[in-house]
Amino acid sequence: MEENGRSKMQQHKQHPLGKKSLESFIGKSIKIKTTFDEEVEGLIYTYDRITNCIVIDCSQQNNKQSTVSSRKNCSFRIIKISHIKEIISLATATNGVKDYLPINQIYIDRLKQRESEVMKGFRSEVSKIGIGVSKEGQDIFNALSKTLPCRWSKDTIVVMDEILITPPYGVDDCKANANSASLLARIKKVLEGERKRLAK
């Protein structure tokens, strides 16, 4: 008896929506509690056998009177069946069958390109953060990089790949070779102005 009871409990955990085909619940209104004790309410949009997940359209909570869905107000949650702790309610939708707009074709190449651009921007932002530098040094870098191409080389600020500004990042800490004398004078003037501005 104990063994039978345990197997029933395991079966219930695997199929919290019961023994019926989960496709039969598509379009119904549902309210669930997840294993994280979060309550999710909406319409069952679809069920995926491969991942064993249901997709719940939660956008009806923002606009309960509408039976036509626009892409701007759609809000979906993808939840694994194993993460459903309790079915609080399950019923036929009171507003009838919801009319969804067709899903456009997804271009994987474009998604990869967007991902690449985002990662490139992220790496660029990370490269602007000095490691082991003072707050003043970071503030000076941030100020200079607004108008000049700058990068970090350990704790040294490299401006336009020609001028080096070493700690404590004063005007006298700017260095360059003889060929960059005019650029060095310009950077010193800009640095002096930024230090005065930051000191206010």
N, C-alpha and C. Protein backbone atom coordinates (compact mmCIF):
# COMPACT_ATOMS: atom_id res chain seq x y z
N MET A 1 0.83 -1.20 0.00
CA MET A 1 0.00 0.00 0.00
C MET A 1 0.87 1.25 0.00
N GLU A 2 1.88 1.23 0.84
CA GLU A 2 2.77 2.39 0.94
C GLU A 2 3.47 2.63 -0.39
N GLU A 3 3.88 1.50 -1.03
CA GLU A 3 4.58 1.62 -2.32
C GLU A 3 3.65 2.17 -3.39
N ASN A 4 2.38 1.72 -3.39
CA ASN A 4 1.41 2.22 -4.35
C ASN A 4 1.14 3.71 -4.15
N GLY A 5 1.08 4.10 -2.86
CA GLY A 5 0.85 5.51 -2.55
C GLY A 5 1.98 6.38 -3.03
N ARG A 6 3.24 5.88 -2.88
CA ARG A 6 4.40 6.64 -3.32
C ARG A 6 4.42 6.79 -4.83
N SER A 7 4.06 5.71 -5.55
CA SER A 7 4.04 5.79 -7.01
C SER A 7 2.98 6.76 -7.49
N LYS A 8 1.85 6.83 -6.79
CA LYS A 8 0.80 7.77 -7.16
C LYS A 8 1.27 9.20 -6.96
N MET A 9 2.01 9.44 -5.86
CA MET A 9 2.53 10.77 -5.60
C MET A 9 3.52 11.18 -6.67
N GLN A 10 4.37 10.26 -7.09
CA GLN A 10 5.36 10.55 -8.13
C GLN A 10 4.66 10.85 -9.44
N GLN A 11 3.59 10.08 -9.73
CA GLN A 11 2.83 10.30 -10.96
C GLN A 11 2.17 11.67 -10.94
N HIS A 12 1.71 12.07 -9.75
CA HIS A 12 1.06 13.37 -9.62
C HIS A 12 2.07 14.49 -9.85
N LYS A 13 3.30 14.30 -9.37
CA LYS A 13 4.33 15.30 -9.56
C LYS A 13 4.70 15.43 -11.02
N GLN A 14 4.68 14.31 -11.74
CA GLN A 14 5.06 14.33 -13.14
C GLN A 14 3.95 14.91 -14.01
N HIS A 15 2.69 14.72 -13.59
CA HIS A 15 1.55 15.20 -14.39
C HIS A 15 0.60 15.99 -13.49
N PRO A 16 0.96 17.21 -13.11
CA PRO A 16 0.10 17.99 -12.22
C PRO A 16 -1.22 18.40 -12.86
N LEU A 17 -1.31 18.30 -14.19
CA LEU A 17 -2.57 18.63 -14.86
C LEU A 17 -3.45 17.40 -15.08
N GLY A 18 -3.04 16.27 -14.49
CA GLY A 18 -3.86 15.07 -14.60
C GLY A 18 -3.44 14.16 -15.73
N LYS A 19 -4.27 13.14 -15.98
CA LYS A 19 -3.94 12.11 -16.98
C LYS A 19 -4.39 12.49 -18.40
N LYS A 20 -5.22 13.50 -18.51
CA LYS A 20 -5.70 13.89 -19.84
C LYS A 20 -4.55 14.41 -20.70
N SER A 21 -4.75 14.35 -22.00
CA SER A 21 -3.77 14.93 -22.92
C SER A 21 -3.69 16.43 -22.66
N LEU A 22 -2.47 16.92 -22.46
CA LEU A 22 -2.32 18.33 -22.11
C LEU A 22 -2.76 19.26 -23.24
N GLU A 23 -2.74 18.74 -24.49
CA GLU A 23 -3.23 19.55 -25.60
C GLU A 23 -4.71 19.91 -25.43
N SER A 24 -5.44 19.07 -24.69
CA SER A 24 -6.88 19.32 -24.51
C SER A 24 -7.15 20.53 -23.62
N PHE A 25 -6.12 21.00 -22.91
CA PHE A 25 -6.30 22.14 -22.03
C PHE A 25 -5.99 23.47 -22.73
N ILE A 26 -5.49 23.42 -23.96
CA ILE A 26 -5.13 24.64 -24.68
C ILE A 26 -6.36 25.54 -24.85
N GLY A 27 -6.21 26.80 -24.53
CA GLY A 27 -7.32 27.76 -24.62
C GLY A 27 -8.08 27.94 -23.33
N LYS A 28 -7.82 27.07 -22.34
CA LYS A 28 -8.53 27.18 -21.07
C LYS A 28 -7.85 28.22 -20.16
N SER A 29 -8.65 28.76 -19.26
CA SER A 29 -8.14 29.71 -18.27
C SER A 29 -7.59 28.92 -17.09
N ILE A 30 -6.38 29.28 -16.65
CA ILE A 30 -5.73 28.51 -15.59
C ILE A 30 -5.05 29.44 -14.58
N LYS A 31 -5.02 28.98 -13.36
CA LYS A 31 -4.28 29.68 -12.30
C LYS A 31 -3.49 28.62 -11.56
N ILE A 32 -2.17 28.78 -11.51
CA ILE A 32 -1.31 27.77 -10.90
C ILE A 32 -0.43 28.39 -9.82
N LYS A 33 0.12 27.51 -9.01
CA LYS A 33 1.15 27.91 -8.05
C LYS A 33 2.39 27.08 -8.37
N THR A 34 3.51 27.76 -8.55
CA THR A 34 4.75 27.07 -8.91
C THR A 34 5.44 26.53 -7.66
N THR A 35 6.49 25.76 -7.89
CA THR A 35 7.27 25.22 -6.77
C THR A 35 7.99 26.33 -6.01
N PHE A 36 8.01 27.55 -6.59
CA PHE A 36 8.59 28.71 -5.90
C PHE A 36 7.51 29.53 -5.21
N ASP A 37 6.29 28.94 -5.12
CA ASP A 37 5.13 29.59 -4.49
C ASP A 37 4.72 30.89 -5.19
N GLU A 38 4.99 30.96 -6.48
CA GLU A 38 4.55 32.09 -7.29
C GLU A 38 3.26 31.72 -8.00
N GLU A 39 2.27 32.59 -7.97
CA GLU A 39 1.00 32.34 -8.64
C GLU A 39 1.02 32.95 -10.03
N VAL A 40 0.64 32.15 -11.01
CA VAL A 40 0.59 32.58 -12.41
C VAL A 40 -0.81 32.31 -12.94
N GLU A 41 -1.39 33.32 -13.60
CA GLU A 41 -2.75 33.18 -14.09
C GLU A 41 -2.83 33.64 -15.55
N GLY A 42 -3.61 32.93 -16.35
CA GLY A 42 -3.79 33.32 -17.74
C GLY A 42 -4.43 32.22 -18.56
N LEU A 43 -4.25 32.31 -19.88
CA LEU A 43 -4.78 31.30 -20.79
C LEU A 43 -3.66 30.37 -21.23
N ILE A 44 -3.96 29.07 -21.32
CA ILE A 44 -2.96 28.13 -21.80
C ILE A 44 -2.84 28.31 -23.32
N TYR A 45 -1.70 28.83 -23.75
CA TYR A 45 -1.49 29.13 -25.17
C TYR A 45 -1.12 27.87 -25.94
N THR A 46 -0.20 27.08 -25.37
CA THR A 46 0.20 25.84 -26.03
C THR A 46 0.95 24.96 -25.04
N TYR A 47 1.19 23.73 -25.48
CA TYR A 47 1.96 22.76 -24.69
C TYR A 47 3.01 22.14 -25.60
N ASP A 48 4.25 22.07 -25.10
CA ASP A 48 5.34 21.50 -25.88
C ASP A 48 5.76 20.17 -25.28
N ARG A 49 5.57 19.09 -26.04
CA ARG A 49 5.89 17.75 -25.55
C ARG A 49 7.39 17.55 -25.36
N ILE A 50 8.19 18.15 -26.25
CA ILE A 50 9.63 17.91 -26.22
C ILE A 50 10.25 18.44 -24.92
N THR A 51 9.90 19.68 -24.55
CA THR A 51 10.46 20.28 -23.33
C THR A 51 9.57 20.06 -22.11
N ASN A 52 8.36 19.50 -22.34
CA ASN A 52 7.38 19.28 -21.26
C ASN A 52 7.07 20.60 -20.55
N CYS A 53 6.74 21.60 -21.36
CA CYS A 53 6.43 22.93 -20.84
C CYS A 53 5.06 23.39 -21.35
N ILE A 54 4.40 24.21 -20.56
CA ILE A 54 3.20 24.89 -21.04
C ILE A 54 3.52 26.36 -21.17
N VAL A 55 2.84 27.00 -22.12
CA VAL A 55 3.00 28.44 -22.32
C VAL A 55 1.70 29.10 -21.91
N ILE A 56 1.79 30.02 -20.96
CA ILE A 56 0.59 30.70 -20.44
C ILE A 56 0.59 32.15 -20.91
N ASP A 57 -0.51 32.54 -21.52
CA ASP A 57 -0.69 33.93 -21.95
C ASP A 57 -1.23 34.72 -20.77
N CYS A 58 -0.38 35.54 -20.17
CA CYS A 58 -0.76 36.32 -18.98
C CYS A 58 -1.26 37.71 -19.35
N SER A 59 -1.27 38.05 -20.63
CA SER A 59 -1.63 39.41 -21.04
C SER A 59 -3.10 39.72 -20.80
N GLN A 60 -3.93 38.70 -20.65
CA GLN A 60 -5.36 38.94 -20.41
C GLN A 60 -5.58 39.64 -19.07
N GLN A 61 -4.63 39.51 -18.16
CA GLN A 61 -4.78 40.16 -16.86
C GLN A 61 -4.67 41.67 -16.99
N ASN A 62 -3.96 42.14 -18.03
CA ASN A 62 -3.81 43.58 -18.27
C ASN A 62 -4.99 44.14 -19.07
N ASN A 63 -5.61 43.27 -19.88
CA ASN A 63 -6.72 43.72 -20.71
C ASN A 63 -7.75 42.59 -20.82
N LYS A 64 -8.53 42.40 -19.80
CA LYS A 64 -9.42 41.25 -19.72
C LYS A 64 -10.59 41.32 -20.71
N GLN A 65 -10.90 42.51 -21.22
CA GLN A 65 -12.05 42.65 -22.10
C GLN A 65 -11.75 42.29 -23.55
N SER A 66 -10.46 42.28 -23.91
CA SER A 66 -10.10 42.09 -25.31
C SER A 66 -9.96 40.62 -25.66
N THR A 67 -10.49 40.25 -26.84
CA THR A 67 -10.30 38.89 -27.33
C THR A 67 -9.33 38.87 -28.51
N VAL A 68 -8.83 40.06 -28.88
CA VAL A 68 -7.86 40.16 -29.96
C VAL A 68 -6.53 40.60 -29.37
N SER A 69 -5.48 39.86 -29.66
CA SER A 69 -4.18 40.14 -29.07
C SER A 69 -3.28 40.89 -30.04
N SER A 70 -2.66 41.96 -29.56
CA SER A 70 -1.64 42.66 -30.35
C SER A 70 -0.28 42.29 -29.80
N ARG A 71 0.75 42.44 -30.62
CA ARG A 71 2.09 42.04 -30.18
C ARG A 71 2.60 42.94 -29.06
N LYS A 72 2.08 44.15 -28.97
CA LYS A 72 2.57 45.10 -27.97
C LYS A 72 2.12 44.72 -26.56
N ASN A 73 0.92 44.13 -26.43
CA ASN A 73 0.41 43.85 -25.09
C ASN A 73 0.48 42.37 -24.72
N CYS A 74 1.17 41.56 -25.54
CA CYS A 74 1.29 40.14 -25.22
C CYS A 74 2.33 39.91 -24.13
N SER A 75 2.00 39.02 -23.22
CA SER A 75 2.93 38.66 -22.15
C SER A 75 2.77 37.16 -21.89
N PHE A 76 3.82 36.39 -22.17
CA PHE A 76 3.76 34.94 -22.05
C PHE A 76 4.74 34.43 -21.00
N ARG A 77 4.37 33.36 -20.34
CA ARG A 77 5.25 32.67 -19.39
C ARG A 77 5.41 31.23 -19.85
N ILE A 78 6.65 30.74 -19.89
CA ILE A 78 6.94 29.35 -20.23
C ILE A 78 7.30 28.63 -18.94
N ILE A 79 6.54 27.61 -18.59
CA ILE A 79 6.71 26.94 -17.29
C ILE A 79 6.79 25.44 -17.51
N LYS A 80 7.79 24.82 -16.92
CA LYS A 80 7.92 23.36 -16.99
C LYS A 80 6.83 22.72 -16.12
N ILE A 81 6.29 21.63 -16.60
CA ILE A 81 5.24 20.92 -15.87
C ILE A 81 5.73 20.52 -14.48
N SER A 82 7.00 20.12 -14.40
CA SER A 82 7.56 19.67 -13.11
C SER A 82 7.66 20.81 -12.10
N HIS A 83 7.55 22.07 -12.57
CA HIS A 83 7.64 23.22 -11.67
C HIS A 83 6.27 23.70 -11.20
N ILE A 84 5.21 22.99 -11.63
CA ILE A 84 3.87 23.35 -11.18
C ILE A 84 3.57 22.58 -9.90
N LYS A 85 3.35 23.33 -8.84
CA LYS A 85 3.09 22.74 -7.52
C LYS A 85 1.60 22.45 -7.31
N GLU A 86 0.76 23.34 -7.80
CA GLU A 86 -0.68 23.21 -7.54
C GLU A 86 -1.48 23.89 -8.65
N ILE A 87 -2.59 23.26 -9.04
CA ILE A 87 -3.54 23.87 -9.95
C ILE A 87 -4.63 24.51 -9.10
N ILE A 88 -4.62 25.85 -9.02
CA ILE A 88 -5.59 26.55 -8.19
C ILE A 88 -6.96 26.56 -8.87
N SER A 89 -6.97 26.80 -10.17
CA SER A 89 -8.24 26.77 -10.92
C SER A 89 -7.96 26.45 -12.38
N LEU A 90 -8.94 25.82 -13.03
CA LEU A 90 -8.84 25.48 -14.44
C LEU A 90 -10.25 25.50 -15.01
N ALA A 91 -10.49 26.38 -15.98
CA ALA A 91 -11.85 26.51 -16.51
C ALA A 91 -11.79 27.02 -17.94
N THR A 92 -12.93 26.90 -18.63
CA THR A 92 -13.04 27.44 -19.98
C THR A 92 -12.99 28.96 -19.91
N ALA A 93 -12.26 29.59 -20.82
CA ALA A 93 -12.12 31.04 -20.83
C ALA A 93 -13.48 31.70 -20.98
N THR A 94 -13.74 32.70 -20.14
CA THR A 94 -15.05 33.38 -20.14
C THR A 94 -15.22 34.28 -21.35
N ASN A 95 -14.10 34.76 -21.93
CA ASN A 95 -14.18 35.68 -23.07
C ASN A 95 -14.16 34.96 -24.41
N GLY A 96 -14.25 33.64 -24.39
CA GLY A 96 -14.21 32.89 -25.63
C GLY A 96 -12.78 32.67 -26.10
N VAL A 97 -12.66 32.11 -27.30
CA VAL A 97 -11.34 31.79 -27.84
C VAL A 97 -10.62 33.07 -28.25
N LYS A 98 -9.39 33.21 -27.83
CA LYS A 98 -8.62 34.41 -28.13
C LYS A 98 -8.05 34.32 -29.54
N ASP A 99 -8.11 35.42 -30.25
CA ASP A 99 -7.64 35.48 -31.63
C ASP A 99 -6.22 36.02 -31.65
N TYR A 100 -5.25 35.16 -31.91
CA TYR A 100 -3.85 35.57 -31.91
C TYR A 100 -3.39 35.94 -33.32
N LEU A 101 -2.54 36.95 -33.38
CA LEU A 101 -1.93 37.31 -34.65
C LEU A 101 -0.94 36.22 -35.05
N PRO A 102 -0.75 36.00 -36.35
CA PRO A 102 0.20 34.97 -36.77
C PRO A 102 1.63 35.31 -36.35
N ILE A 103 2.41 34.29 -36.04
CA ILE A 103 3.80 34.48 -35.64
C ILE A 103 4.66 34.60 -36.89
N ASN A 104 5.41 35.68 -36.94
CA ASN A 104 6.29 35.89 -38.09
C ASN A 104 7.46 34.92 -38.08
N GLN A 105 8.07 34.75 -39.23
CA GLN A 105 9.24 33.89 -39.34
C GLN A 105 10.39 34.47 -38.53
N ILE A 106 11.11 33.61 -37.85
CA ILE A 106 12.25 34.04 -37.05
C ILE A 106 13.53 33.79 -37.83
N TYR A 107 14.30 34.83 -38.02
CA TYR A 107 15.56 34.73 -38.77
C TYR A 107 16.71 34.57 -37.78
N ILE A 108 17.25 33.36 -37.71
CA ILE A 108 18.30 33.05 -36.74
C ILE A 108 19.54 33.90 -36.97
N ASP A 109 19.88 34.15 -38.25
CA ASP A 109 21.08 34.95 -38.56
C ASP A 109 20.96 36.35 -37.97
N ARG A 110 19.75 36.93 -38.05
CA ARG A 110 19.55 38.27 -37.50
C ARG A 110 19.68 38.26 -35.98
N LEU A 111 19.15 37.21 -35.35
CA LEU A 111 19.26 37.09 -33.90
C LEU A 111 20.72 36.97 -33.47
N LYS A 112 21.48 36.17 -34.23
CA LYS A 112 22.90 36.02 -33.91
C LYS A 112 23.65 37.32 -34.10
N GLN A 113 23.26 38.09 -35.14
CA GLN A 113 23.91 39.37 -35.38
C GLN A 113 23.61 40.35 -34.24
N ARG A 114 22.35 40.37 -33.81
CA ARG A 114 21.98 41.24 -32.69
C ARG A 114 22.70 40.84 -31.42
N GLU A 115 22.80 39.53 -31.19
CA GLU A 115 23.52 39.04 -30.01
C GLU A 115 24.98 39.47 -30.07
N SER A 116 25.60 39.35 -31.26
CA SER A 116 26.99 39.73 -31.44
C SER A 116 27.19 41.21 -31.17
N GLU A 117 26.26 42.04 -31.65
CA GLU A 117 26.36 43.49 -31.44
C GLU A 117 26.22 43.85 -29.97
N VAL A 118 25.29 43.17 -29.29
CA VAL A 118 25.09 43.43 -27.86
C VAL A 118 26.33 43.03 -27.06
N MET A 119 26.89 41.86 -27.38
CA MET A 119 28.08 41.38 -26.68
C MET A 119 29.27 42.30 -26.95
N LYS A 120 29.38 42.81 -28.18
CA LYS A 120 30.46 43.73 -28.52
C LYS A 120 30.35 45.00 -27.70
N GLY A 121 29.12 45.52 -27.59
CA GLY A 121 28.90 46.71 -26.78
C GLY A 121 29.18 46.46 -25.31
N PHE A 122 28.79 45.27 -24.84
CA PHE A 122 29.02 44.91 -23.44
C PHE A 122 30.51 44.84 -23.14
N ARG A 123 31.26 44.18 -24.04
CA ARG A 123 32.71 44.07 -23.84
C ARG A 123 33.38 45.44 -23.88
N SER A 124 32.84 46.32 -24.74
CA SER A 124 33.38 47.67 -24.83
C SER A 124 33.18 48.43 -23.52
N GLU A 125 31.99 48.26 -22.91
CA GLU A 125 31.71 48.93 -21.64
C GLU A 125 32.58 48.37 -20.52
N VAL A 126 32.76 47.05 -20.52
CA VAL A 126 33.59 46.41 -19.49
C VAL A 126 35.04 46.87 -19.60
N SER A 127 35.52 47.03 -20.84
CA SER A 127 36.91 47.44 -21.05
C SER A 127 37.18 48.85 -20.52
N LYS A 128 36.12 49.63 -20.29
CA LYS A 128 36.28 50.99 -19.78
C LYS A 128 36.42 51.04 -18.27
N ILE A 129 36.27 49.90 -17.62
CA ILE A 129 36.36 49.84 -16.17
C ILE A 129 37.77 49.41 -15.78
N GLY A 130 38.49 50.29 -15.08
CA GLY A 130 39.84 49.98 -14.65
C GLY A 130 39.85 49.00 -13.49
N ILE A 131 40.80 48.10 -13.47
CA ILE A 131 40.91 47.11 -12.39
C ILE A 131 42.00 47.56 -11.41
N GLY A 132 41.60 47.72 -10.17
CA GLY A 132 42.56 48.12 -9.13
C GLY A 132 42.96 49.58 -9.19
N VAL A 133 42.13 50.42 -9.83
CA VAL A 133 42.44 51.84 -9.92
C VAL A 133 41.60 52.62 -8.91
N SER A 134 42.03 53.83 -8.61
CA SER A 134 41.31 54.66 -7.65
C SER A 134 40.04 55.22 -8.29
N LYS A 135 39.14 55.71 -7.43
CA LYS A 135 37.90 56.31 -7.94
C LYS A 135 38.24 57.54 -8.77
N GLU A 136 39.23 58.31 -8.33
CA GLU A 136 39.63 59.50 -9.08
C GLU A 136 40.15 59.11 -10.46
N GLY A 137 40.94 58.05 -10.51
CA GLY A 137 41.47 57.58 -11.79
C GLY A 137 40.35 57.17 -12.74
N GLN A 138 39.33 56.46 -12.20
CA GLN A 138 38.20 56.04 -13.03
C GLN A 138 37.38 57.24 -13.50
N ASP A 139 37.22 58.22 -12.60
CA ASP A 139 36.47 59.44 -12.97
C ASP A 139 37.18 60.20 -14.09
N ILE A 140 38.50 60.26 -14.01
CA ILE A 140 39.28 60.95 -15.05
C ILE A 140 39.16 60.20 -16.37
N PHE A 141 39.24 58.87 -16.30
CA PHE A 141 39.09 58.06 -17.52
C PHE A 141 37.72 58.30 -18.16
N ASN A 142 36.68 58.26 -17.33
CA ASN A 142 35.31 58.45 -17.84
C ASN A 142 35.16 59.81 -18.50
N ALA A 143 35.76 60.84 -17.89
CA ALA A 143 35.65 62.19 -18.43
C ALA A 143 36.40 62.31 -19.76
N LEU A 144 37.60 61.76 -19.82
CA LEU A 144 38.40 61.85 -21.06
C LEU A 144 37.78 61.03 -22.19
N SER A 145 37.22 59.87 -21.85
CA SER A 145 36.69 58.97 -22.88
C SER A 145 35.43 59.51 -23.54
N LYS A 146 34.83 60.56 -22.98
CA LYS A 146 33.64 61.15 -23.60
C LYS A 146 34.00 61.85 -24.92
N THR A 147 35.23 62.36 -25.00
CA THR A 147 35.64 63.10 -26.20
C THR A 147 36.86 62.51 -26.89
N LEU A 148 37.58 61.59 -26.21
CA LEU A 148 38.80 61.02 -26.77
C LEU A 148 38.78 59.50 -26.66
N PRO A 149 39.32 58.80 -27.64
CA PRO A 149 39.40 57.33 -27.52
C PRO A 149 40.42 56.94 -26.45
N CYS A 150 39.94 56.25 -25.42
CA CYS A 150 40.79 55.86 -24.29
C CYS A 150 40.64 54.37 -24.00
N ARG A 151 41.68 53.81 -23.42
CA ARG A 151 41.62 52.42 -22.95
C ARG A 151 42.55 52.28 -21.76
N TRP A 152 42.34 51.21 -21.02
CA TRP A 152 43.19 50.92 -19.87
C TRP A 152 44.30 49.96 -20.27
N SER A 153 45.49 50.18 -19.74
CA SER A 153 46.59 49.21 -19.80
C SER A 153 47.07 49.04 -18.37
N LYS A 154 46.50 48.02 -17.70
CA LYS A 154 46.67 47.86 -16.25
C LYS A 154 46.11 49.11 -15.56
N ASP A 155 46.95 49.89 -14.85
CA ASP A 155 46.44 51.08 -14.17
C ASP A 155 46.80 52.36 -14.92
N THR A 156 47.20 52.23 -16.18
CA THR A 156 47.59 53.38 -16.99
C THR A 156 46.51 53.69 -18.03
N ILE A 157 46.17 54.98 -18.15
CA ILE A 157 45.21 55.40 -19.15
C ILE A 157 45.97 55.66 -20.46
N VAL A 158 45.53 54.99 -21.52
CA VAL A 158 46.15 55.17 -22.84
C VAL A 158 45.18 55.97 -23.70
N VAL A 159 45.61 57.16 -24.13
CA VAL A 159 44.76 58.04 -24.92
C VAL A 159 45.24 58.03 -26.38
N MET A 160 44.33 57.69 -27.27
CA MET A 160 44.59 57.66 -28.72
C MET A 160 45.81 56.80 -29.06
N ASP A 161 46.09 55.83 -28.22
CA ASP A 161 47.21 54.90 -28.41
C ASP A 161 48.56 55.59 -28.50
N GLU A 162 48.64 56.83 -27.99
CA GLU A 162 49.89 57.56 -28.06
C GLU A 162 50.30 58.18 -26.73
N ILE A 163 49.32 58.59 -25.94
CA ILE A 163 49.60 59.28 -24.68
C ILE A 163 49.32 58.34 -23.52
N LEU A 164 50.27 58.28 -22.58
CA LEU A 164 50.12 57.47 -21.37
C LEU A 164 49.94 58.38 -20.17
N ILE A 165 48.91 58.08 -19.37
CA ILE A 165 48.68 58.84 -18.14
C ILE A 165 48.74 57.85 -16.99
N THR A 166 49.79 57.96 -16.18
CA THR A 166 50.01 57.03 -15.08
C THR A 166 49.48 57.61 -13.78
N PRO A 167 49.25 56.78 -12.75
CA PRO A 167 48.80 57.29 -11.45
C PRO A 167 49.81 58.29 -10.89
N PRO A 168 49.35 59.32 -10.20
CA PRO A 168 47.96 59.64 -9.81
C PRO A 168 47.17 60.44 -10.85
N TYR A 169 47.52 60.33 -12.10
CA TYR A 169 46.76 60.88 -13.22
C TYR A 169 46.73 62.42 -13.23
N GLY A 170 47.87 63.02 -12.87
CA GLY A 170 47.98 64.47 -12.95
C GLY A 170 48.55 64.89 -14.31
N VAL A 171 48.62 66.20 -14.53
CA VAL A 171 49.15 66.73 -15.79
C VAL A 171 50.58 66.29 -16.00
N ASP A 172 51.36 66.26 -14.89
CA ASP A 172 52.78 65.88 -14.98
C ASP A 172 52.97 64.38 -15.20
N ASP A 173 51.85 63.61 -15.11
CA ASP A 173 51.94 62.16 -15.28
C ASP A 173 51.66 61.73 -16.72
N CYS A 174 51.51 62.70 -17.62
CA CYS A 174 51.28 62.42 -19.03
C CYS A 174 52.61 62.22 -19.75
N LYS A 175 52.71 61.16 -20.54
CA LYS A 175 53.94 60.86 -21.25
C LYS A 175 53.64 60.51 -22.70
N ALA A 176 54.60 60.85 -23.56
CA ALA A 176 54.46 60.52 -24.98
C ALA A 176 55.83 60.61 -25.63
N ASN A 177 55.97 60.04 -26.82
CA ASN A 177 57.25 60.14 -27.52
C ASN A 177 57.34 61.50 -28.20
N ALA A 178 58.48 61.79 -28.73
CA ALA A 178 58.76 63.12 -29.30
C ALA A 178 57.84 63.45 -30.47
N ASN A 179 57.43 62.46 -31.21
CA ASN A 179 56.57 62.68 -32.38
C ASN A 179 55.16 63.12 -32.00
N SER A 180 54.79 62.93 -30.73
CA SER A 180 53.43 63.27 -30.29
C SER A 180 53.43 64.47 -29.36
N ALA A 181 54.39 65.35 -29.52
CA ALA A 181 54.53 66.51 -28.62
C ALA A 181 53.30 67.41 -28.68
N SER A 182 52.80 67.69 -29.88
CA SER A 182 51.64 68.59 -30.01
C SER A 182 50.38 67.94 -29.41
N LEU A 183 50.22 66.64 -29.62
CA LEU A 183 49.08 65.92 -29.05
C LEU A 183 49.19 65.86 -27.54
N LEU A 184 50.41 65.71 -27.03
CA LEU A 184 50.64 65.66 -25.58
C LEU A 184 50.20 66.97 -24.94
N ALA A 185 50.54 68.08 -25.57
CA ALA A 185 50.15 69.38 -25.03
C ALA A 185 48.64 69.52 -24.99
N ARG A 186 47.97 69.02 -26.02
CA ARG A 186 46.51 69.10 -26.09
C ARG A 186 45.88 68.25 -24.99
N ILE A 187 46.38 67.02 -24.80
CA ILE A 187 45.84 66.12 -23.79
C ILE A 187 46.04 66.69 -22.39
N LYS A 188 47.20 67.30 -22.16
CA LYS A 188 47.48 67.91 -20.85
C LYS A 188 46.47 69.02 -20.55
N LYS A 189 46.15 69.81 -21.58
CA LYS A 189 45.20 70.90 -21.40
C LYS A 189 43.80 70.35 -21.09
N VAL A 190 43.41 69.31 -21.82
CA VAL A 190 42.10 68.68 -21.57
C VAL A 190 42.06 68.06 -20.18
N LEU A 191 43.14 67.37 -19.80
CA LEU A 191 43.21 66.73 -18.49
C LEU A 191 43.14 67.76 -17.37
N GLU A 192 43.83 68.87 -17.55
CA GLU A 192 43.81 69.92 -16.53
C GLU A 192 42.39 70.45 -16.34
N GLY A 193 41.69 70.65 -17.46
CA GLY A 193 40.31 71.14 -17.37
C GLY A 193 39.38 70.14 -16.71
N GLU A 194 39.56 68.85 -17.00
CA GLU A 194 38.71 67.81 -16.40
C GLU A 194 38.98 67.67 -14.91
N ARG A 195 40.22 67.79 -14.51
CA ARG A 195 40.55 67.68 -13.08
C ARG A 195 39.95 68.85 -12.31
N LYS A 196 39.96 70.04 -12.92
CA LYS A 196 39.36 71.21 -12.25
C LYS A 196 37.85 71.02 -12.13
N ARG A 197 37.25 70.46 -13.19
CA ARG A 197 35.80 70.23 -13.17
C ARG A 197 35.41 69.20 -12.13
N LEU A 198 36.20 68.14 -12.03
CA LEU A 198 35.90 67.07 -11.06
C LEU A 198 36.15 67.53 -9.62
N ALA A 199 37.00 68.51 -9.44
CA ALA A 199 37.34 68.99 -8.09
C ALA A 199 36.25 69.88 -7.51
N LYS A 200 35.33 70.37 -8.37
CA LYS A 200 34.27 71.27 -7.90
C LYS A 200 33.25 70.53 -7.04
